[in-house]
Structure formats: C-alpha cells, structure tokens
Amino acid sequence: PVQQMLVCKLGERPNVNALITLCICMFIVVIPVLVLI
C-alpha cells in the first residue's frame, strides 16, 4: 500500500518507488528490530 501511494504521487517510476518504499521499511522496521535484538 505504501508503494501504491507513491505511485499515485510520483507516477509510474518502478525503481524509485520501490527504493523509497524499501528505505521507509528499513527505518521503521529493520533497524529498530536489529537494535532491539
């Protein structure tokens, strides 16, 4: 759903949208989980 929201705002830019979505996931999920573990 985050990627679909970026598609609506930035248009069909698959690489950019996927990269931004992945960075959001890293900051709000992956890095905090690593710190917690």
ModelCIF file with pLDDT and N, C-alpha, C, O atoms, coordinates in Angstrom:
data_MODEL
#
_entry.id   MODEL 
#
_entity.id                         1 
_entity.type                       polymer 
_entity.pdbx_number_of_molecules   1 
#
_entity_poly.entity_id                      1 
_entity_poly.type                           'polypeptide(L)' 
_entity_poly.nstd_linkage                   no 
_entity_poly.nstd_monomer                   no 
_entity_poly.pdbx_seq_one_letter_code       PVQQMLVCKLGERPNVNALITLCICMFIVVIPVLVLI 
_entity_poly.pdbx_seq_one_letter_code_can   PVQQMLVCKLGERPNVNALITLCICMFIVVIPVLVLI 
_entity_poly.pdbx_strand_id                 A 
#
loop_
_entity_poly_seq.entity_id 
_entity_poly_seq.num 
_entity_poly_seq.mon_id 
_entity_poly_seq.hetero 
1 1  PRO n 
1 2  VAL n 
1 3  GLN n 
1 4  GLN n 
1 5  MET n 
1 6  LEU n 
1 7  VAL n 
1 8  CYS n 
1 9  LYS n 
1 10 LEU n 
1 11 GLY n 
1 12 GLU n 
1 13 ARG n 
1 14 PRO n 
1 15 ASN n 
1 16 VAL n 
1 17 ASN n 
1 18 ALA n 
1 19 LEU n 
1 20 ILE n 
1 21 THR n 
1 22 LEU n 
1 23 CYS n 
1 24 ILE n 
1 25 CYS n 
1 26 MET n 
1 27 PHE n 
1 28 ILE n 
1 29 VAL n 
1 30 VAL n 
1 31 ILE n 
1 32 PRO n 
1 33 VAL n 
1 34 LEU n 
1 35 VAL n 
1 36 LEU n 
1 37 ILE n 
#
_struct_asym.id          A 
_struct_asym.entity_id   1 
#
loop_
_ma_qa_metric.id 
_ma_qa_metric.mode 
_ma_qa_metric.name 
_ma_qa_metric.software_group_id 
_ma_qa_metric.type 
1 global pLDDT . pLDDT 
2 local  pLDDT . pLDDT 
#
_ma_qa_metric_global.metric_id      1 
_ma_qa_metric_global.metric_value   83.92 
_ma_qa_metric_global.model_id       1 
_ma_qa_metric_global.ordinal_id     1 
#
loop_
_ma_qa_metric_local.label_asym_id 
_ma_qa_metric_local.label_comp_id 
_ma_qa_metric_local.label_seq_id 
_ma_qa_metric_local.metric_id 
_ma_qa_metric_local.metric_value 
_ma_qa_metric_local.model_id 
_ma_qa_metric_local.ordinal_id 
A PRO 1  2 84.00 1 1  
A VAL 2  2 86.00 1 2  
A GLN 3  2 84.00 1 3  
A GLN 4  2 85.00 1 4  
A MET 5  2 88.00 1 5  
A LEU 6  2 86.00 1 6  
A VAL 7  2 84.00 1 7  
A CYS 8  2 86.00 1 8  
A LYS 9  2 85.00 1 9  
A LEU 10 2 83.00 1 10 
A GLY 11 2 81.00 1 11 
A GLU 12 2 81.00 1 12 
A ARG 13 2 84.00 1 13 
A PRO 14 2 83.00 1 14 
A ASN 15 2 86.00 1 15 
A VAL 16 2 87.00 1 16 
A ASN 17 2 87.00 1 17 
A ALA 18 2 87.00 1 18 
A LEU 19 2 89.00 1 19 
A ILE 20 2 90.00 1 20 
A THR 21 2 87.00 1 21 
A LEU 22 2 88.00 1 22 
A CYS 23 2 90.00 1 23 
A ILE 24 2 89.00 1 24 
A CYS 25 2 86.00 1 25 
A MET 26 2 87.00 1 26 
A PHE 27 2 86.00 1 27 
A ILE 28 2 83.00 1 28 
A VAL 29 2 79.00 1 29 
A VAL 30 2 81.00 1 30 
A ILE 31 2 83.00 1 31 
A PRO 32 2 79.00 1 32 
A VAL 33 2 77.00 1 33 
A LEU 34 2 79.00 1 34 
A VAL 35 2 77.00 1 35 
A LEU 36 2 74.00 1 36 
A ILE 37 2 74.00 1 37 
#
loop_
_atom_site.group_PDB 
_atom_site.id 
_atom_site.type_symbol 
_atom_site.label_atom_id 
_atom_site.label_alt_id 
_atom_site.label_comp_id 
_atom_site.label_asym_id 
_atom_site.label_entity_id 
_atom_site.label_seq_id 
_atom_site.pdbx_PDB_ins_code 
_atom_site.Cartn_x 
_atom_site.Cartn_y 
_atom_site.Cartn_z 
_atom_site.occupancy 
_atom_site.B_iso_or_equiv 
_atom_site.pdbx_formal_charge 
_atom_site.auth_seq_id 
_atom_site.auth_comp_id 
_atom_site.auth_asym_id 
_atom_site.auth_atom_id 
_atom_site.pdbx_PDB_model_num 
ATOM 1   N N  . PRO A 1 1  ? 0.821  -1.232 0.000   1.00 84.00 ? 1  PRO A N  1 
ATOM 2   C CA . PRO A 1 1  ? 0.000  0.000  0.000   1.00 84.00 ? 1  PRO A CA 1 
ATOM 3   C C  . PRO A 1 1  ? 0.847  1.271  0.000   1.00 84.00 ? 1  PRO A C  1 
ATOM 4   O O  . PRO A 1 1  ? 0.458  2.265  -0.613  1.00 84.00 ? 1  PRO A O  1 
ATOM 5   N N  . VAL A 1 2  ? 1.994  1.257  0.675   1.00 86.00 ? 2  VAL A N  1 
ATOM 6   C CA . VAL A 1 2  ? 2.879  2.425  0.664   1.00 86.00 ? 2  VAL A CA 1 
ATOM 7   C C  . VAL A 1 2  ? 3.393  2.680  -0.739  1.00 86.00 ? 2  VAL A C  1 
ATOM 8   O O  . VAL A 1 2  ? 3.454  3.823  -1.194  1.00 86.00 ? 2  VAL A O  1 
ATOM 9   N N  . GLN A 1 3  ? 3.760  1.606  -1.422  1.00 84.00 ? 3  GLN A N  1 
ATOM 10  C CA . GLN A 1 3  ? 4.240  1.762  -2.797  1.00 84.00 ? 3  GLN A CA 1 
ATOM 11  C C  . GLN A 1 3  ? 3.143  2.296  -3.710  1.00 84.00 ? 3  GLN A C  1 
ATOM 12  O O  . GLN A 1 3  ? 3.406  3.132  -4.574  1.00 84.00 ? 3  GLN A O  1 
ATOM 13  N N  . GLN A 1 4  ? 1.906  1.814  -3.521  1.00 85.00 ? 4  GLN A N  1 
ATOM 14  C CA . GLN A 1 4  ? 0.796  2.304  -4.347  1.00 85.00 ? 4  GLN A CA 1 
ATOM 15  C C  . GLN A 1 4  ? 0.548  3.789  -4.099  1.00 85.00 ? 4  GLN A C  1 
ATOM 16  O O  . GLN A 1 4  ? 0.211  4.528  -5.024  1.00 85.00 ? 4  GLN A O  1 
ATOM 17  N N  . MET A 1 5  ? 0.714  4.224  -2.858  1.00 88.00 ? 5  MET A N  1 
ATOM 18  C CA . MET A 1 5  ? 0.562  5.646  -2.552  1.00 88.00 ? 5  MET A CA 1 
ATOM 19  C C  . MET A 1 5  ? 1.639  6.467  -3.258  1.00 88.00 ? 5  MET A C  1 
ATOM 20  O O  . MET A 1 5  ? 1.368  7.560  -3.754  1.00 88.00 ? 5  MET A O  1 
ATOM 21  N N  . LEU A 1 6  ? 2.864  5.933  -3.303  1.00 86.00 ? 6  LEU A N  1 
ATOM 22  C CA . LEU A 1 6  ? 3.940  6.632  -4.010  1.00 86.00 ? 6  LEU A CA 1 
ATOM 23  C C  . LEU A 1 6  ? 3.678  6.671  -5.508  1.00 86.00 ? 6  LEU A C  1 
ATOM 24  O O  . LEU A 1 6  ? 4.017  7.650  -6.174  1.00 86.00 ? 6  LEU A O  1 
ATOM 25  N N  . VAL A 1 7  ? 3.079  5.616  -6.040  1.00 84.00 ? 7  VAL A N  1 
ATOM 26  C CA . VAL A 1 7  ? 2.739  5.601  -7.466  1.00 84.00 ? 7  VAL A CA 1 
ATOM 27  C C  . VAL A 1 7  ? 1.739  6.701  -7.788  1.00 84.00 ? 7  VAL A C  1 
ATOM 28  O O  . VAL A 1 7  ? 1.840  7.357  -8.825  1.00 84.00 ? 7  VAL A O  1 
ATOM 29  N N  . CYS A 1 8  ? 0.770  6.901  -6.894  1.00 86.00 ? 8  CYS A N  1 
ATOM 30  C CA . CYS A 1 8  ? -0.224 7.958  -7.120  1.00 86.00 ? 8  CYS A CA 1 
ATOM 31  C C  . CYS A 1 8  ? 0.406  9.345  -7.074  1.00 86.00 ? 8  CYS A C  1 
ATOM 32  O O  . CYS A 1 8  ? -0.031 10.250 -7.785  1.00 86.00 ? 8  CYS A O  1 
ATOM 33  N N  . LYS A 1 9  ? 1.432  9.517  -6.242  1.00 85.00 ? 9  LYS A N  1 
ATOM 34  C CA . LYS A 1 9  ? 2.045  10.841 -6.093  1.00 85.00 ? 9  LYS A CA 1 
ATOM 35  C C  . LYS A 1 9  ? 3.186  11.094 -7.074  1.00 85.00 ? 9  LYS A C  1 
ATOM 36  O O  . LYS A 1 9  ? 3.343  12.205 -7.580  1.00 85.00 ? 9  LYS A O  1 
ATOM 37  N N  . LEU A 1 10 ? 3.991  10.044 -7.344  1.00 83.00 ? 10 LEU A N  1 
ATOM 38  C CA . LEU A 1 10 ? 5.173  10.220 -8.190  1.00 83.00 ? 10 LEU A CA 1 
ATOM 39  C C  . LEU A 1 10 ? 4.999  9.667  -9.598  1.00 83.00 ? 10 LEU A C  1 
ATOM 40  O O  . LEU A 1 10 ? 5.842  9.903  -10.464 1.00 83.00 ? 10 LEU A O  1 
ATOM 41  N N  . GLY A 1 11 ? 3.926  8.943  -9.833  1.00 81.00 ? 11 GLY A N  1 
ATOM 42  C CA . GLY A 1 11 ? 3.732  8.351  -11.146 1.00 81.00 ? 11 GLY A CA 1 
ATOM 43  C C  . GLY A 1 11 ? 4.395  6.982  -11.243 1.00 81.00 ? 11 GLY A C  1 
ATOM 44  O O  . GLY A 1 11 ? 4.941  6.467  -10.268 1.00 81.00 ? 11 GLY A O  1 
ATOM 45  N N  . GLU A 1 12 ? 4.335  6.399  -12.451 1.00 81.00 ? 12 GLU A N  1 
ATOM 46  C CA . GLU A 1 12 ? 4.898  5.072  -12.685 1.00 81.00 ? 12 GLU A CA 1 
ATOM 47  C C  . GLU A 1 12 ? 6.416  5.160  -12.818 1.00 81.00 ? 12 GLU A C  1 
ATOM 48  O O  . GLU A 1 12 ? 6.951  5.272  -13.921 1.00 81.00 ? 12 GLU A O  1 
ATOM 49  N N  . ARG A 1 13 ? 7.089  5.106  -11.691 1.00 84.00 ? 13 ARG A N  1 
ATOM 50  C CA . ARG A 1 13 ? 8.553  5.077  -11.651 1.00 84.00 ? 13 ARG A CA 1 
ATOM 51  C C  . ARG A 1 13 ? 8.949  3.898  -10.771 1.00 84.00 ? 13 ARG A C  1 
ATOM 52  O O  . ARG A 1 13 ? 9.244  4.082  -9.590  1.00 84.00 ? 13 ARG A O  1 
ATOM 53  N N  . PRO A 1 14 ? 8.959  2.692  -11.328 1.00 83.00 ? 14 PRO A N  1 
ATOM 54  C CA . PRO A 1 14 ? 9.089  1.469  -10.520 1.00 83.00 ? 14 PRO A CA 1 
ATOM 55  C C  . PRO A 1 14 ? 10.326 1.436  -9.625  1.00 83.00 ? 14 PRO A C  1 
ATOM 56  O O  . PRO A 1 14 ? 10.230 1.091  -8.447  1.00 83.00 ? 14 PRO A O  1 
ATOM 57  N N  . ASN A 1 15 ? 11.490 1.795  -10.179 1.00 86.00 ? 15 ASN A N  1 
ATOM 58  C CA . ASN A 1 15 ? 12.722 1.714  -9.394  1.00 86.00 ? 15 ASN A CA 1 
ATOM 59  C C  . ASN A 1 15 ? 12.720 2.710  -8.234  1.00 86.00 ? 15 ASN A C  1 
ATOM 60  O O  . ASN A 1 15 ? 13.082 2.366  -7.109  1.00 86.00 ? 15 ASN A O  1 
ATOM 61  N N  . VAL A 1 16 ? 12.308 3.946  -8.521  1.00 87.00 ? 16 VAL A N  1 
ATOM 62  C CA . VAL A 1 16 ? 12.300 4.987  -7.492  1.00 87.00 ? 16 VAL A CA 1 
ATOM 63  C C  . VAL A 1 16 ? 11.279 4.655  -6.405  1.00 87.00 ? 16 VAL A C  1 
ATOM 64  O O  . VAL A 1 16 ? 11.577 4.765  -5.216  1.00 87.00 ? 16 VAL A O  1 
ATOM 65  N N  . ASN A 1 17 ? 10.087 4.251  -6.809  1.00 87.00 ? 17 ASN A N  1 
ATOM 66  C CA . ASN A 1 17 ? 9.043  3.930  -5.826  1.00 87.00 ? 17 ASN A CA 1 
ATOM 67  C C  . ASN A 1 17 ? 9.443  2.746  -4.939  1.00 87.00 ? 17 ASN A C  1 
ATOM 68  O O  . ASN A 1 17 ? 9.229  2.768  -3.727  1.00 87.00 ? 17 ASN A O  1 
ATOM 69  N N  . ALA A 1 18 ? 10.028 1.712  -5.559  1.00 87.00 ? 18 ALA A N  1 
ATOM 70  C CA . ALA A 1 18 ? 10.458 0.550  -4.781  1.00 87.00 ? 18 ALA A CA 1 
ATOM 71  C C  . ALA A 1 18 ? 11.589 0.921  -3.822  1.00 87.00 ? 18 ALA A C  1 
ATOM 72  O O  . ALA A 1 18 ? 11.620 0.446  -2.687  1.00 87.00 ? 18 ALA A O  1 
ATOM 73  N N  . LEU A 1 19 ? 12.515 1.766  -4.273  1.00 89.00 ? 19 LEU A N  1 
ATOM 74  C CA . LEU A 1 19 ? 13.636 2.159  -3.414  1.00 89.00 ? 19 LEU A CA 1 
ATOM 75  C C  . LEU A 1 19 ? 13.160 2.996  -2.231  1.00 89.00 ? 19 LEU A C  1 
ATOM 76  O O  . LEU A 1 19 ? 13.614 2.785  -1.106  1.00 89.00 ? 19 LEU A O  1 
ATOM 77  N N  . ILE A 1 20 ? 12.256 3.941  -2.466  1.00 90.00 ? 20 ILE A N  1 
ATOM 78  C CA . ILE A 1 20 ? 11.733 4.764  -1.374  1.00 90.00 ? 20 ILE A CA 1 
ATOM 79  C C  . ILE A 1 20 ? 10.956 3.900  -0.376  1.00 90.00 ? 20 ILE A C  1 
ATOM 80  O O  . ILE A 1 20 ? 11.093 4.065  0.836   1.00 90.00 ? 20 ILE A O  1 
ATOM 81  N N  . THR A 1 21 ? 10.144 2.985  -0.894  1.00 87.00 ? 21 THR A N  1 
ATOM 82  C CA . THR A 1 21 ? 9.384  2.084  -0.014  1.00 87.00 ? 21 THR A CA 1 
ATOM 83  C C  . THR A 1 21 ? 10.315 1.236  0.838   1.00 87.00 ? 21 THR A C  1 
ATOM 84  O O  . THR A 1 21 ? 10.069 1.035  2.027   1.00 87.00 ? 21 THR A O  1 
ATOM 85  N N  . LEU A 1 22 ? 11.385 0.740  0.228   1.00 88.00 ? 22 LEU A N  1 
ATOM 86  C CA . LEU A 1 22 ? 12.336 -0.084 0.960   1.00 88.00 ? 22 LEU A CA 1 
ATOM 87  C C  . LEU A 1 22 ? 13.065 0.726  2.038   1.00 88.00 ? 22 LEU A C  1 
ATOM 88  O O  . LEU A 1 22 ? 13.319 0.216  3.129   1.00 88.00 ? 22 LEU A O  1 
ATOM 89  N N  . CYS A 1 23 ? 13.400 1.976  1.739   1.00 90.00 ? 23 CYS A N  1 
ATOM 90  C CA . CYS A 1 23 ? 14.054 2.836  2.742   1.00 90.00 ? 23 CYS A CA 1 
ATOM 91  C C  . CYS A 1 23 ? 13.122 3.099  3.923   1.00 90.00 ? 23 CYS A C  1 
ATOM 92  O O  . CYS A 1 23 ? 13.564 3.104  5.072   1.00 90.00 ? 23 CYS A O  1 
ATOM 93  N N  . ILE A 1 24 ? 11.838 3.318  3.648   1.00 89.00 ? 24 ILE A N  1 
ATOM 94  C CA . ILE A 1 24 ? 10.862 3.505  4.719   1.00 89.00 ? 24 ILE A CA 1 
ATOM 95  C C  . ILE A 1 24 ? 10.801 2.266  5.602   1.00 89.00 ? 24 ILE A C  1 
ATOM 96  O O  . ILE A 1 24 ? 10.763 2.370  6.828   1.00 89.00 ? 24 ILE A O  1 
ATOM 97  N N  . CYS A 1 25 ? 10.792 1.077  4.965   1.00 86.00 ? 25 CYS A N  1 
ATOM 98  C CA . CYS A 1 25 ? 10.768 -0.181 5.711   1.00 86.00 ? 25 CYS A CA 1 
ATOM 99  C C  . CYS A 1 25 ? 12.016 -0.331 6.571   1.00 86.00 ? 25 CYS A C  1 
ATOM 100 O O  . CYS A 1 25 ? 11.931 -0.787 7.712   1.00 86.00 ? 25 CYS A O  1 
ATOM 101 N N  . MET A 1 26 ? 13.156 0.042  6.043   1.00 87.00 ? 26 MET A N  1 
ATOM 102 C CA . MET A 1 26 ? 14.404 -0.077 6.799   1.00 87.00 ? 26 MET A CA 1 
ATOM 103 C C  . MET A 1 26 ? 14.375 0.792  8.050   1.00 87.00 ? 26 MET A C  1 
ATOM 104 O O  . MET A 1 26 ? 14.804 0.357  9.120   1.00 87.00 ? 26 MET A O  1 
ATOM 105 N N  . PHE A 1 27 ? 13.877 2.006  7.921   1.00 86.00 ? 27 PHE A N  1 
ATOM 106 C CA . PHE A 1 27 ? 13.921 2.947  9.040   1.00 86.00 ? 27 PHE A CA 1 
ATOM 107 C C  . PHE A 1 27 ? 12.879 2.638  10.112  1.00 86.00 ? 27 PHE A C  1 
ATOM 108 O O  . PHE A 1 27 ? 13.133 2.865  11.295  1.00 86.00 ? 27 PHE A O  1 
ATOM 109 N N  . ILE A 1 28 ? 11.721 2.128  9.724   1.00 83.00 ? 28 ILE A N  1 
ATOM 110 C CA . ILE A 1 28 ? 10.671 1.929  10.721  1.00 83.00 ? 28 ILE A CA 1 
ATOM 111 C C  . ILE A 1 28 ? 10.562 0.481  11.191  1.00 83.00 ? 28 ILE A C  1 
ATOM 112 O O  . ILE A 1 28 ? 9.875  0.218  12.178  1.00 83.00 ? 28 ILE A O  1 
ATOM 113 N N  . VAL A 1 29 ? 11.223 -0.472 10.513  1.00 79.00 ? 29 VAL A N  1 
ATOM 114 C CA . VAL A 1 29 ? 11.104 -1.874 10.903  1.00 79.00 ? 29 VAL A CA 1 
ATOM 115 C C  . VAL A 1 29 ? 12.472 -2.514 11.128  1.00 79.00 ? 29 VAL A C  1 
ATOM 116 O O  . VAL A 1 29 ? 12.775 -2.950 12.239  1.00 79.00 ? 29 VAL A O  1 
ATOM 117 N N  . VAL A 1 30 ? 13.289 -2.573 10.097  1.00 81.00 ? 30 VAL A N  1 
ATOM 118 C CA . VAL A 1 30 ? 14.509 -3.384 10.140  1.00 81.00 ? 30 VAL A CA 1 
ATOM 119 C C  . VAL A 1 30 ? 15.494 -2.860 11.178  1.00 81.00 ? 30 VAL A C  1 
ATOM 120 O O  . VAL A 1 30 ? 15.962 -3.621 12.025  1.00 81.00 ? 30 VAL A O  1 
ATOM 121 N N  . ILE A 1 31 ? 15.813 -1.563 11.122  1.00 83.00 ? 31 ILE A N  1 
ATOM 122 C CA . ILE A 1 31 ? 16.803 -1.003 12.052  1.00 83.00 ? 31 ILE A CA 1 
ATOM 123 C C  . ILE A 1 31 ? 16.324 -1.088 13.505  1.00 83.00 ? 31 ILE A C  1 
ATOM 124 O O  . ILE A 1 31 ? 17.102 -1.516 14.357  1.00 83.00 ? 31 ILE A O  1 
ATOM 125 N N  . PRO A 1 32 ? 15.068 -0.698 13.836  1.00 79.00 ? 32 PRO A N  1 
ATOM 126 C CA . PRO A 1 32 ? 14.616 -0.873 15.226  1.00 79.00 ? 32 PRO A CA 1 
ATOM 127 C C  . PRO A 1 32 ? 14.642 -2.312 15.709  1.00 79.00 ? 32 PRO A C  1 
ATOM 128 O O  . PRO A 1 32 ? 14.977 -2.562 16.867  1.00 79.00 ? 32 PRO A O  1 
ATOM 129 N N  . VAL A 1 33 ? 14.294 -3.275 14.843  1.00 77.00 ? 33 VAL A N  1 
ATOM 130 C CA . VAL A 1 33 ? 14.328 -4.685 15.252  1.00 77.00 ? 33 VAL A CA 1 
ATOM 131 C C  . VAL A 1 33 ? 15.752 -5.130 15.544  1.00 77.00 ? 33 VAL A C  1 
ATOM 132 O O  . VAL A 1 33 ? 15.987 -5.866 16.502  1.00 77.00 ? 33 VAL A O  1 
ATOM 133 N N  . LEU A 1 34 ? 16.710 -4.689 14.724  1.00 79.00 ? 34 LEU A N  1 
ATOM 134 C CA . LEU A 1 34 ? 18.110 -5.035 14.969  1.00 79.00 ? 34 LEU A CA 1 
ATOM 135 C C  . LEU A 1 34 ? 18.592 -4.466 16.303  1.00 79.00 ? 34 LEU A C  1 
ATOM 136 O O  . LEU A 1 34 ? 19.291 -5.142 17.058  1.00 79.00 ? 34 LEU A O  1 
ATOM 137 N N  . VAL A 1 35 ? 18.214 -3.224 16.585  1.00 77.00 ? 35 VAL A N  1 
ATOM 138 C CA . VAL A 1 35 ? 18.607 -2.615 17.863  1.00 77.00 ? 35 VAL A CA 1 
ATOM 139 C C  . VAL A 1 35 ? 17.977 -3.366 19.030  1.00 77.00 ? 35 VAL A C  1 
ATOM 140 O O  . VAL A 1 35 ? 18.628 -3.598 20.049  1.00 77.00 ? 35 VAL A O  1 
ATOM 141 N N  . LEU A 1 36 ? 16.711 -3.744 18.881  1.00 74.00 ? 36 LEU A N  1 
ATOM 142 C CA . LEU A 1 36 ? 16.019 -4.470 19.946  1.00 74.00 ? 36 LEU A CA 1 
ATOM 143 C C  . LEU A 1 36 ? 16.652 -5.836 20.188  1.00 74.00 ? 36 LEU A C  1 
ATOM 144 O O  . LEU A 1 36 ? 16.853 -6.237 21.334  1.00 74.00 ? 36 LEU A O  1 
ATOM 145 N N  . ILE A 1 37 ? 16.964 -6.548 19.111  1.00 74.00 ? 37 ILE A N  1 
ATOM 146 C CA . ILE A 1 37 ? 17.576 -7.873 19.256  1.00 74.00 ? 37 ILE A CA 1 
ATOM 147 C C  . ILE A 1 37 ? 18.938 -7.767 19.936  1.00 74.00 ? 37 ILE A C  1 
ATOM 148 O O  . ILE A 1 37 ? 19.604 -8.781 20.144  1.00 74.00 ? 37 ILE A O  1 
#
